Structure formats: structure tokens, C-alpha cells
Amino acid sequence: MYKNIIFDLGGVVVDFNPREFLLERFYNEEIEQKVFELTFGSEEWLLLDAGKLSRAEGNALMLEKAKAAGCAFEVQSVLDDWARMLKTRRKTVEVIKRLKKMGFSIYYLSNIPQDVIDEIRQRDFWPLFDGGIASCEVKLTKPDPAIYKLLLEQYGLVPAETIFVDDHKPNTTAAFDLGITGIHYKGSASFIRALNTCGIPIKEHLLW
């Protein structure tokens, strides 16, 4: 039944957990929330994902607001260091390798800034993808239905033959509304169980 599996990148193929990053950094809930709103939860971050700001422009705007809020030092430290979060999730990569061996076509669909996708494209797992869309390059972001439709049209994918994996439920819900099977990613173990539920016995072929 299924032929194609689409993966989100941040939070699925590479680590991206801003809340945890800020918790480990500040150990202060009030500061963590304030810095989150000025960085990862900001309008500027959304515009970076949408390809409407460069990294330099986005950082400058976030720092300007941080100065007005009295936490420029904290925000600067986050902007200097947040990319270290983006470690490859080797278990997910191993699942992708097994899926490829089983004959599935693998794609990506990610809300991601240009500098980040450029770096990730240099990693050893990148050739596993048959194609995909980065939000910054099409000026669209999930969960806008238009970005899903663009991916389907660009690669000739049939929704009923396609699974979409994302760590944010609104994004999988948007896929479901278009007839794509959505898997809400919560970790490698639950992901494998979800694939089995879809009739893809990945666990039988997987050696950790």
C-alpha cells in the first residue's frame, strides 16, 4: 500500500529541542520562557524558516528586541550556541536505511532556515533522500497545506501511498487532512511501532 515516507528533519532526523536546550542552559523558568519568546518562539524565527530573513538579519532583529527586554547577554549566548543541538539521530538514520532496503522512496519536508539546511545537506545520511522540500527555499511553512501539495506535485506522490513523520502534531494533522498518513514522532521505539501498525514490519529488519 505505502510507497513513500516523508520525514521532518529537526526533531526527527536531527535533534532539535529548544525547550530542553534552554532548561539545561539557564535553570530558571522565567528566563527560559523570556529567551524562548525572543528566539525560537519569535516572529523572526518563523521568518527564517520561511526564507524571508537571512541569519544575520534574523539575529540582529532578535538581539535588538532582547536589548529592549534587558536580556541581550542571554539571547546572544543562545544565538551563538544553539546549533550544537543539531546532532544526527543515528537510530532514525538506521530506520531510513532499512526502509530504503525495503524499497520505499524517502523524502524530507522541513521548516528550516537556509544556513541549517545547507549544513545538514553535507552530512553522511543525505544521499538516502530521494528528494524533498525545505521551507526556506519555497517561502512556505508547515502546516500550510500548500507546502504538502507542492511536495506531492513535485515528485508525483499519491497521498494514499504516502506516510509523513513529524514531531509536531499539527503538522501530521495537516498531512492527514490531505489524505496522507501522519505519524507523530515521539521517539524511535514508538516510531517503529507506528510503522508496524501501518503494515511495515521494520523491527524485523532492524538491528540496533
Protein backbone atom coordinates (compact mmCIF):
# COMPACT_ATOMS: atom_id res chain seq x y z
CA MET A 1 0.00 0.00 0.00
CA TYR A 2 2.65 2.53 1.04
CA LYS A 3 5.48 3.51 -1.28
CA ASN A 4 6.76 6.82 0.09
CA ILE A 5 7.82 8.05 3.53
CA ILE A 6 8.39 11.75 4.17
CA PHE A 7 10.46 12.86 7.16
CA ASP A 8 10.62 16.10 9.05
CA LEU A 9 14.27 16.92 9.81
CA GLY A 10 14.53 18.82 13.11
CA GLY A 11 13.29 16.68 15.98
CA VAL A 12 13.18 13.52 13.85
CA VAL A 13 16.37 13.05 11.80
CA VAL A 14 18.44 15.54 13.78
CA ASP A 15 17.96 16.66 17.39
CA PHE A 16 16.09 19.91 17.93
CA ASN A 17 14.55 20.52 21.34
CA PRO A 18 14.78 24.24 22.20
CA ARG A 19 12.94 23.91 25.50
CA GLU A 20 15.36 21.28 26.77
CA PHE A 21 18.32 23.32 25.48
CA LEU A 22 17.17 26.40 27.40
CA LEU A 23 16.42 24.40 30.54
CA GLU A 24 19.96 23.00 30.61
CA ARG A 25 21.36 26.46 29.99
CA PHE A 26 19.51 28.68 32.47
CA TYR A 27 17.79 26.55 35.14
CA ASN A 28 15.31 29.40 35.55
CA GLU A 29 11.81 29.03 34.16
CA GLU A 30 11.16 32.76 33.85
CA ILE A 31 14.39 33.41 31.92
CA GLU A 32 13.88 30.29 29.78
CA GLN A 33 10.43 31.46 28.70
CA LYS A 34 11.61 35.01 28.03
CA VAL A 35 14.54 33.86 25.92
CA PHE A 36 12.37 31.32 24.07
CA GLU A 37 9.91 34.04 23.08
CA LEU A 38 12.79 36.19 21.80
CA THR A 39 14.45 33.38 19.82
CA PHE A 40 12.87 30.03 18.90
CA GLY A 41 9.32 31.23 19.51
CA SER A 42 9.77 34.59 17.80
CA GLU A 43 8.36 36.03 14.60
CA GLU A 44 11.95 36.31 13.36
CA TRP A 45 12.48 32.55 13.72
CA LEU A 46 9.34 31.91 11.67
CA LEU A 47 10.65 34.28 9.01
CA LEU A 48 13.99 32.44 8.97
CA ASP A 49 12.13 29.18 8.36
CA ALA A 50 10.14 30.86 5.61
CA GLY A 51 13.30 32.11 3.90
CA LYS A 52 12.25 35.74 4.36
CA LEU A 53 15.21 36.71 6.54
CA SER A 54 18.90 35.84 6.41
CA ARG A 55 20.59 34.52 9.54
CA ALA A 56 22.38 37.87 10.01
CA GLU A 57 19.13 39.81 9.66
CA GLY A 58 17.23 37.49 11.98
CA ASN A 59 19.90 37.56 14.67
CA ALA A 60 20.14 41.35 14.53
CA LEU A 61 16.39 41.76 14.98
CA MET A 62 16.24 39.24 17.82
CA LEU A 63 19.13 40.96 19.60
CA GLU A 64 17.52 44.35 19.17
CA LYS A 65 14.38 43.11 20.93
CA ALA A 66 16.47 41.30 23.55
CA LYS A 67 18.25 44.56 24.44
CA ALA A 68 14.91 46.27 24.92
CA ALA A 69 13.84 43.37 27.16
CA GLY A 70 17.02 43.51 29.21
CA CYS A 71 18.37 40.08 28.29
CA ALA A 72 20.75 40.69 25.40
CA PHE A 73 23.52 38.62 27.00
CA GLU A 74 21.28 35.56 27.41
CA VAL A 75 19.91 35.79 23.87
CA GLN A 76 23.37 36.34 22.37
CA SER A 77 24.65 33.22 24.14
CA VAL A 78 21.78 31.19 22.69
CA LEU A 79 22.28 32.55 19.18
CA ASP A 80 25.98 31.70 19.40
CA ASP A 81 25.46 28.14 20.58
CA TRP A 82 22.03 26.75 19.64
CA ALA A 83 23.23 24.89 16.53
CA ARG A 84 25.08 22.38 18.71
CA MET A 85 21.65 20.86 19.32
CA LEU A 86 21.54 19.57 15.77
CA LYS A 87 23.14 16.18 16.34
CA THR A 88 22.26 13.40 13.92
CA ARG A 89 19.78 10.87 15.31
CA ARG A 90 21.53 7.69 14.33
CA LYS A 91 18.59 5.44 15.21
CA THR A 92 16.34 7.34 12.83
CA VAL A 93 19.01 7.17 10.12
CA GLU A 94 19.25 3.42 10.64
CA VAL A 95 15.48 3.12 10.21
CA ILE A 96 15.69 5.14 6.99
CA LYS A 97 18.43 2.84 5.68
CA ARG A 98 16.25 -0.20 6.36
CA LEU A 99 13.24 1.42 4.72
CA LYS A 100 15.34 2.13 1.63
CA LYS A 101 16.41 -1.52 1.50
CA MET A 102 12.75 -2.49 1.68
CA GLY A 103 12.07 -0.41 -1.43
CA PHE A 104 10.49 2.75 -0.02
CA SER A 105 11.19 6.17 -1.51
CA ILE A 106 12.36 8.62 1.16
CA TYR A 107 11.70 12.37 1.18
CA TYR A 108 12.06 15.29 3.58
CA LEU A 109 9.70 18.16 4.37
CA SER A 110 11.07 20.58 6.92
CA ASN A 111 10.54 24.04 8.35
CA ILE A 112 14.17 25.07 8.34
CA PRO A 113 16.40 28.13 7.73
CA GLN A 114 18.75 28.23 4.75
CA ASP A 115 22.01 28.02 6.71
CA VAL A 116 20.79 24.96 8.61
CA ILE A 117 19.61 23.01 5.57
CA ASP A 118 22.88 23.86 3.81
CA GLU A 119 24.83 22.31 6.70
CA ILE A 120 22.62 19.24 7.02
CA ARG A 121 22.98 18.53 3.31
CA GLN A 122 26.68 17.87 3.93
CA ARG A 123 26.01 15.01 6.36
CA ASP A 124 26.62 11.38 5.50
CA PHE A 125 22.95 10.38 5.56
CA TRP A 126 21.81 12.97 2.99
CA PRO A 127 22.11 10.70 -0.09
CA LEU A 128 19.40 8.49 1.46
CA PHE A 129 16.76 11.06 0.45
CA ASP A 130 15.16 10.82 -2.96
CA GLY A 131 14.09 14.45 -2.74
CA GLY A 132 12.21 16.88 -0.57
CA ILE A 133 11.36 20.45 0.27
CA ALA A 134 12.93 22.91 2.69
CA SER A 135 10.53 25.66 3.76
CA CYS A 136 13.11 28.43 3.33
CA GLU A 137 13.52 27.61 -0.36
CA VAL A 138 9.82 27.74 -1.27
CA LYS A 139 8.71 30.54 1.13
CA LEU A 140 6.08 28.23 2.64
CA THR A 141 5.96 26.54 6.06
CA LYS A 142 4.09 23.66 7.66
CA PRO A 143 1.26 23.26 8.45
CA ASP A 144 0.20 25.30 5.40
CA PRO A 145 -1.43 22.73 3.07
CA ALA A 146 0.31 24.39 0.12
CA ILE A 147 3.75 23.07 1.10
CA TYR A 148 2.47 19.48 1.30
CA LYS A 149 0.72 19.82 -2.06
CA LEU A 150 3.89 21.21 -3.59
CA LEU A 151 5.89 18.19 -2.44
CA LEU A 152 3.24 15.76 -3.73
CA GLU A 153 3.10 17.51 -7.11
CA GLN A 154 6.86 17.92 -7.48
CA TYR A 155 7.54 14.21 -7.03
CA GLY A 156 4.27 12.76 -8.30
CA LEU A 157 3.37 11.21 -4.96
CA VAL A 158 -0.06 9.71 -4.27
CA PRO A 159 -1.34 10.74 -0.80
CA ALA A 160 -2.80 7.31 -0.05
CA GLU A 161 0.61 5.73 -0.74
CA THR A 162 2.48 8.18 1.48
CA ILE A 163 3.41 8.44 5.18
CA PHE A 164 4.56 11.68 6.80
CA VAL A 165 6.61 11.67 10.02
CA ASP A 166 6.85 14.83 12.17
CA ASP A 167 7.37 15.63 15.85
CA HIS A 168 4.67 18.33 15.85
CA LYS A 169 1.11 17.02 15.83
CA PRO A 170 -0.42 19.99 13.92
CA ASN A 171 1.91 19.12 11.03
CA THR A 172 0.85 15.47 10.89
CA THR A 173 -2.79 16.55 11.19
CA ALA A 174 -2.37 18.83 8.17
CA ALA A 175 -0.92 15.90 6.22
CA PHE A 176 -3.83 13.67 7.28
CA ASP A 177 -6.30 16.26 6.01
CA LEU A 178 -4.74 15.83 2.56
CA GLY A 179 -5.07 12.04 2.65
CA ILE A 180 -1.51 11.35 3.81
CA THR A 181 -0.96 9.00 6.75
CA GLY A 182 0.63 11.00 9.56
CA ILE A 183 2.90 9.60 12.26
CA HIS A 184 3.50 11.86 15.25
CA TYR A 185 7.14 11.16 16.11
CA LYS A 186 7.79 10.73 19.85
CA GLY A 187 10.94 8.61 19.70
CA SER A 188 12.46 5.72 17.77
CA ALA A 189 10.62 2.94 19.65
CA SER A 190 7.14 4.42 19.19
CA PHE A 191 8.01 5.27 15.57
CA ILE A 192 8.82 1.63 14.84
CA ARG A 193 5.55 0.56 16.48
CA ALA A 194 3.67 3.06 14.30
CA LEU A 195 5.34 1.69 11.17
CA ASN A 196 4.30 -1.82 12.18
CA THR A 197 0.74 -0.58 12.63
CA CYS A 198 0.96 0.72 9.04
CA GLY A 199 1.94 -2.77 7.90
CA ILE A 200 5.66 -2.01 7.61
CA PRO A 201 7.49 -4.63 9.73
CA ILE A 202 10.63 -2.56 10.16
CA LYS A 203 11.51 -4.10 13.54
CA GLU A 204 12.08 -7.47 11.91
CA HIS A 205 14.75 -5.95 9.70
CA LEU A 206 16.34 -3.61 12.22
CA LEU A 207 19.46 -4.28 14.27
CA TRP A 208 20.47 -1.54 16.68
